[in-house]
Amino acid sequence: MGAVSITTLAGSTLILHAESWSLLVEITPFLKGFTLFFWITGTWWIPLLFILTIWRYLYHRYPLTYDPQLWGMVFPLAMYTTSTLQLSKALDFPILM
């Protein structure tokens, strides 16, 4: 989820600054399509994260204690949030805000 979020953020940034480069103006529809594809792929991971969390803590009754491995979820979720914000600006789609 982190990698596709970074890709979404990069694509959104390119779309927002497309008027600066003539090449980006020409490939803007392609950029929009693939950036949206990567954002959808990142969105698909969110239910899987919830299912795995429920499976670990409710089904297997693993104790809810501090575990450094849980920080592996913090970065992807933060990148997803940032990329969603930028995508909503790039595509002028305020409902994502």
N, C-alpha and C. Protein backbone atom coordinates (compact mmCIF):
# COMPACT_ATOMS: atom_id res chain seq x y z
N MET A 1 0.82 -1.20 0.00
CA MET A 1 0.00 0.00 0.00
C MET A 1 0.86 1.25 0.00
N GLY A 2 2.02 1.19 0.63
CA GLY A 2 2.90 2.36 0.66
C GLY A 2 3.43 2.72 -0.71
N ALA A 3 3.81 1.70 -1.48
CA ALA A 3 4.39 1.95 -2.80
C ALA A 3 3.36 2.54 -3.76
N VAL A 4 2.14 2.01 -3.75
CA VAL A 4 1.13 2.56 -4.65
C VAL A 4 0.70 3.95 -4.19
N SER A 5 0.77 4.21 -2.90
CA SER A 5 0.45 5.56 -2.41
C SER A 5 1.51 6.56 -2.83
N ILE A 6 2.76 6.15 -2.78
CA ILE A 6 3.83 7.04 -3.25
C ILE A 6 3.69 7.30 -4.74
N THR A 7 3.33 6.27 -5.49
CA THR A 7 3.12 6.43 -6.93
C THR A 7 1.95 7.37 -7.20
N THR A 8 0.88 7.23 -6.43
CA THR A 8 -0.27 8.13 -6.56
C THR A 8 0.12 9.57 -6.24
N LEU A 9 0.91 9.75 -5.20
CA LEU A 9 1.36 11.09 -4.83
C LEU A 9 2.23 11.69 -5.93
N ALA A 10 3.12 10.89 -6.50
CA ALA A 10 3.97 11.39 -7.59
C ALA A 10 3.14 11.75 -8.81
N GLY A 11 2.18 10.89 -9.18
CA GLY A 11 1.32 11.18 -10.32
C GLY A 11 0.48 12.42 -10.10
N SER A 12 -0.04 12.57 -8.89
CA SER A 12 -0.85 13.76 -8.58
C SER A 12 -0.02 15.03 -8.66
N THR A 13 1.21 14.96 -8.17
CA THR A 13 2.10 16.12 -8.24
C THR A 13 2.42 16.48 -9.69
N LEU A 14 2.65 15.46 -10.52
CA LEU A 14 2.90 15.72 -11.94
C LEU A 14 1.69 16.35 -12.61
N ILE A 15 0.49 15.87 -12.27
CA ILE A 15 -0.72 16.44 -12.85
C ILE A 15 -0.89 17.90 -12.43
N LEU A 16 -0.62 18.17 -11.15
CA LEU A 16 -0.77 19.54 -10.65
C LEU A 16 0.22 20.51 -11.31
N HIS A 17 1.37 20.02 -11.73
CA HIS A 17 2.40 20.87 -12.34
C HIS A 17 2.55 20.61 -13.84
N ALA A 18 1.54 20.04 -14.46
CA ALA A 18 1.62 19.68 -15.88
C ALA A 18 1.77 20.89 -16.78
N GLU A 19 1.22 22.01 -16.42
CA GLU A 19 1.29 23.19 -17.30
C GLU A 19 2.71 23.73 -17.42
N SER A 20 3.60 23.29 -16.56
CA SER A 20 5.00 23.76 -16.61
C SER A 20 5.81 23.07 -17.70
N TRP A 21 5.41 21.85 -18.08
CA TRP A 21 6.16 21.07 -19.08
C TRP A 21 5.23 20.69 -20.22
N SER A 22 5.67 20.91 -21.43
CA SER A 22 4.82 20.60 -22.59
C SER A 22 4.58 19.10 -22.73
N LEU A 23 5.56 18.28 -22.36
CA LEU A 23 5.38 16.82 -22.44
C LEU A 23 4.27 16.36 -21.50
N LEU A 24 4.25 16.92 -20.31
CA LEU A 24 3.22 16.52 -19.34
C LEU A 24 1.83 16.94 -19.79
N VAL A 25 1.73 18.05 -20.49
CA VAL A 25 0.43 18.48 -21.00
C VAL A 25 -0.11 17.43 -21.97
N GLU A 26 0.78 16.87 -22.80
CA GLU A 26 0.36 15.88 -23.79
C GLU A 26 -0.04 14.55 -23.16
N ILE A 27 0.61 14.17 -22.07
CA ILE A 27 0.31 12.86 -21.47
C ILE A 27 -0.55 12.96 -20.21
N THR A 28 -1.18 14.09 -19.98
CA THR A 28 -2.01 14.27 -18.79
C THR A 28 -3.15 13.26 -18.70
N PRO A 29 -3.87 12.92 -19.78
CA PRO A 29 -4.91 11.90 -19.65
C PRO A 29 -4.35 10.54 -19.20
N PHE A 30 -3.19 10.18 -19.72
CA PHE A 30 -2.53 8.94 -19.32
C PHE A 30 -2.15 9.00 -17.84
N LEU A 31 -1.59 10.13 -17.43
CA LEU A 31 -1.21 10.30 -16.02
C LEU A 31 -2.42 10.21 -15.10
N LYS A 32 -3.51 10.83 -15.49
CA LYS A 32 -4.71 10.78 -14.66
C LYS A 32 -5.23 9.35 -14.53
N GLY A 33 -5.23 8.62 -15.63
CA GLY A 33 -5.72 7.25 -15.61
C GLY A 33 -4.88 6.34 -14.72
N PHE A 34 -3.57 6.40 -14.90
CA PHE A 34 -2.71 5.52 -14.10
C PHE A 34 -2.63 5.96 -12.65
N THR A 35 -2.69 7.25 -12.39
CA THR A 35 -2.68 7.72 -11.00
C THR A 35 -3.94 7.25 -10.30
N LEU A 36 -5.07 7.33 -10.97
CA LEU A 36 -6.32 6.84 -10.39
C LEU A 36 -6.27 5.32 -10.19
N PHE A 37 -5.66 4.60 -11.13
CA PHE A 37 -5.50 3.15 -11.00
C PHE A 37 -4.70 2.79 -9.75
N PHE A 38 -3.58 3.49 -9.52
CA PHE A 38 -2.77 3.20 -8.35
C PHE A 38 -3.47 3.59 -7.06
N TRP A 39 -4.25 4.66 -7.07
CA TRP A 39 -5.01 5.04 -5.89
C TRP A 39 -6.07 3.98 -5.57
N ILE A 40 -6.73 3.46 -6.59
CA ILE A 40 -7.73 2.41 -6.38
C ILE A 40 -7.07 1.15 -5.83
N THR A 41 -5.88 0.83 -6.33
CA THR A 41 -5.14 -0.32 -5.82
C THR A 41 -4.81 -0.13 -4.34
N GLY A 42 -4.40 1.06 -3.95
CA GLY A 42 -4.13 1.34 -2.54
C GLY A 42 -5.39 1.27 -1.69
N THR A 43 -6.50 1.72 -2.25
CA THR A 43 -7.78 1.67 -1.54
C THR A 43 -8.21 0.23 -1.30
N TRP A 44 -7.89 -0.63 -2.23
CA TRP A 44 -8.25 -2.04 -2.12
C TRP A 44 -7.57 -2.70 -0.92
N TRP A 45 -6.42 -2.21 -0.51
CA TRP A 45 -5.67 -2.79 0.60
C TRP A 45 -6.28 -2.46 1.95
N ILE A 46 -7.05 -1.40 2.06
CA ILE A 46 -7.59 -0.99 3.36
C ILE A 46 -8.50 -2.05 3.98
N PRO A 47 -9.48 -2.61 3.26
CA PRO A 47 -10.29 -3.67 3.87
C PRO A 47 -9.45 -4.89 4.27
N LEU A 48 -8.42 -5.20 3.50
CA LEU A 48 -7.56 -6.32 3.84
C LEU A 48 -6.83 -6.06 5.16
N LEU A 49 -6.38 -4.83 5.38
CA LEU A 49 -5.74 -4.49 6.65
C LEU A 49 -6.70 -4.65 7.82
N PHE A 50 -7.94 -4.22 7.64
CA PHE A 50 -8.93 -4.38 8.71
C PHE A 50 -9.23 -5.85 8.98
N ILE A 51 -9.36 -6.63 7.93
CA ILE A 51 -9.64 -8.06 8.09
C ILE A 51 -8.49 -8.75 8.82
N LEU A 52 -7.26 -8.44 8.44
CA LEU A 52 -6.11 -9.05 9.11
C LEU A 52 -5.99 -8.62 10.57
N THR A 53 -6.35 -7.37 10.86
CA THR A 53 -6.32 -6.90 12.24
C THR A 53 -7.37 -7.62 13.07
N ILE A 54 -8.57 -7.76 12.54
CA ILE A 54 -9.63 -8.49 13.24
C ILE A 54 -9.23 -9.94 13.44
N TRP A 55 -8.65 -10.53 12.43
CA TRP A 55 -8.22 -11.93 12.50
C TRP A 55 -7.17 -12.12 13.59
N ARG A 56 -6.24 -11.17 13.70
CA ARG A 56 -5.16 -11.31 14.67
C ARG A 56 -5.63 -11.07 16.10
N TYR A 57 -6.39 -9.99 16.32
CA TYR A 57 -6.72 -9.61 17.69
C TYR A 57 -8.03 -10.17 18.21
N LEU A 58 -8.98 -10.43 17.36
CA LEU A 58 -10.26 -10.97 17.84
C LEU A 58 -10.34 -12.48 17.68
N TYR A 59 -9.96 -12.97 16.52
CA TYR A 59 -10.09 -14.40 16.28
C TYR A 59 -9.01 -15.20 17.02
N HIS A 60 -7.76 -14.78 16.92
CA HIS A 60 -6.66 -15.48 17.59
C HIS A 60 -6.38 -14.96 18.99
N ARG A 61 -7.09 -13.91 19.40
CA ARG A 61 -6.97 -13.31 20.73
C ARG A 61 -5.52 -12.97 21.10
N TYR A 62 -4.82 -12.40 20.13
CA TYR A 62 -3.46 -11.93 20.37
C TYR A 62 -3.56 -10.69 21.26
N PRO A 63 -2.74 -10.59 22.31
CA PRO A 63 -2.89 -9.42 23.20
C PRO A 63 -2.54 -8.12 22.50
N LEU A 64 -3.33 -7.12 22.77
CA LEU A 64 -3.13 -5.81 22.18
C LEU A 64 -2.08 -5.05 22.99
N THR A 65 -0.84 -5.23 22.64
CA THR A 65 0.29 -4.58 23.30
C THR A 65 1.13 -3.87 22.26
N TYR A 66 2.07 -3.08 22.74
CA TYR A 66 2.96 -2.37 21.83
C TYR A 66 3.83 -3.37 21.08
N ASP A 67 3.88 -3.20 19.78
CA ASP A 67 4.71 -4.05 18.94
C ASP A 67 5.31 -3.15 17.86
N PRO A 68 6.64 -3.09 17.75
CA PRO A 68 7.25 -2.21 16.74
C PRO A 68 6.82 -2.53 15.31
N GLN A 69 6.38 -3.74 15.07
CA GLN A 69 5.95 -4.09 13.71
C GLN A 69 4.67 -3.37 13.31
N LEU A 70 3.90 -2.90 14.28
CA LEU A 70 2.68 -2.16 13.95
C LEU A 70 2.98 -0.84 13.27
N TRP A 71 4.20 -0.33 13.43
CA TRP A 71 4.57 0.90 12.74
C TRP A 71 4.63 0.68 11.23
N GLY A 72 4.68 -0.56 10.80
CA GLY A 72 4.64 -0.86 9.38
C GLY A 72 3.31 -0.50 8.75
N MET A 73 2.28 -0.31 9.55
CA MET A 73 0.98 0.12 9.03
C MET A 73 0.84 1.64 9.04
N VAL A 74 1.61 2.30 9.88
CA VAL A 74 1.47 3.75 10.02
C VAL A 74 1.91 4.47 8.75
N PHE A 75 3.07 4.12 8.21
CA PHE A 75 3.57 4.79 7.01
C PHE A 75 2.64 4.62 5.81
N PRO A 76 2.22 3.39 5.48
CA PRO A 76 1.31 3.26 4.33
C PRO A 76 0.01 4.04 4.50
N LEU A 77 -0.56 4.03 5.69
CA LEU A 77 -1.81 4.77 5.90
C LEU A 77 -1.60 6.27 5.79
N ALA A 78 -0.47 6.76 6.29
CA ALA A 78 -0.17 8.19 6.18
C ALA A 78 0.07 8.58 4.73
N MET A 79 0.80 7.75 4.00
CA MET A 79 1.04 8.03 2.58
C MET A 79 -0.27 7.97 1.79
N TYR A 80 -1.14 7.05 2.14
CA TYR A 80 -2.43 6.95 1.46
C TYR A 80 -3.25 8.22 1.69
N THR A 81 -3.24 8.71 2.93
CA THR A 81 -3.97 9.93 3.25
C THR A 81 -3.42 11.12 2.47
N THR A 82 -2.10 11.24 2.44
CA THR A 82 -1.47 12.35 1.72
C THR A 82 -1.74 12.26 0.22
N SER A 83 -1.64 11.05 -0.32
CA SER A 83 -1.87 10.91 -1.76
C SER A 83 -3.33 11.15 -2.13
N THR A 84 -4.25 10.78 -1.25
CA THR A 84 -5.67 11.05 -1.50
C THR A 84 -5.95 12.54 -1.51
N LEU A 85 -5.34 13.26 -0.59
CA LEU A 85 -5.50 14.72 -0.56
C LEU A 85 -4.97 15.36 -1.86
N GLN A 86 -3.79 14.96 -2.28
CA GLN A 86 -3.21 15.51 -3.51
C GLN A 86 -4.02 15.09 -4.74
N LEU A 87 -4.51 13.85 -4.76
CA LEU A 87 -5.31 13.39 -5.89
C LEU A 87 -6.60 14.19 -6.01
N SER A 88 -7.21 14.50 -4.88
CA SER A 88 -8.44 15.29 -4.94
C SER A 88 -8.19 16.68 -5.50
N LYS A 89 -7.02 17.24 -5.22
CA LYS A 89 -6.65 18.53 -5.80
C LYS A 89 -6.34 18.39 -7.28
N ALA A 90 -5.61 17.33 -7.66
CA ALA A 90 -5.18 17.16 -9.03
C ALA A 90 -6.34 16.89 -9.97
N LEU A 91 -7.31 16.11 -9.51
CA LEU A 91 -8.45 15.77 -10.36
C LEU A 91 -9.64 16.70 -10.14
N ASP A 92 -9.47 17.69 -9.25
CA ASP A 92 -10.54 18.61 -8.90
C ASP A 92 -11.80 17.81 -8.50
N PHE A 93 -11.58 16.93 -7.53
CA PHE A 93 -12.63 16.02 -7.06
C PHE A 93 -12.74 16.19 -5.54
N PRO A 94 -13.45 17.25 -5.09
CA PRO A 94 -13.45 17.60 -3.66
C PRO A 94 -14.08 16.57 -2.75
N ILE A 95 -14.83 15.61 -3.28
CA ILE A 95 -15.47 14.62 -2.42
C ILE A 95 -14.43 13.73 -1.71
N LEU A 96 -13.23 13.65 -2.28
CA LEU A 96 -12.16 12.87 -1.65
C LEU A 96 -11.58 13.57 -0.43
N MET A 97 -11.80 14.87 -0.32
CA MET A 97 -11.29 15.60 0.83
C MET A 97 -11.98 15.11 2.07
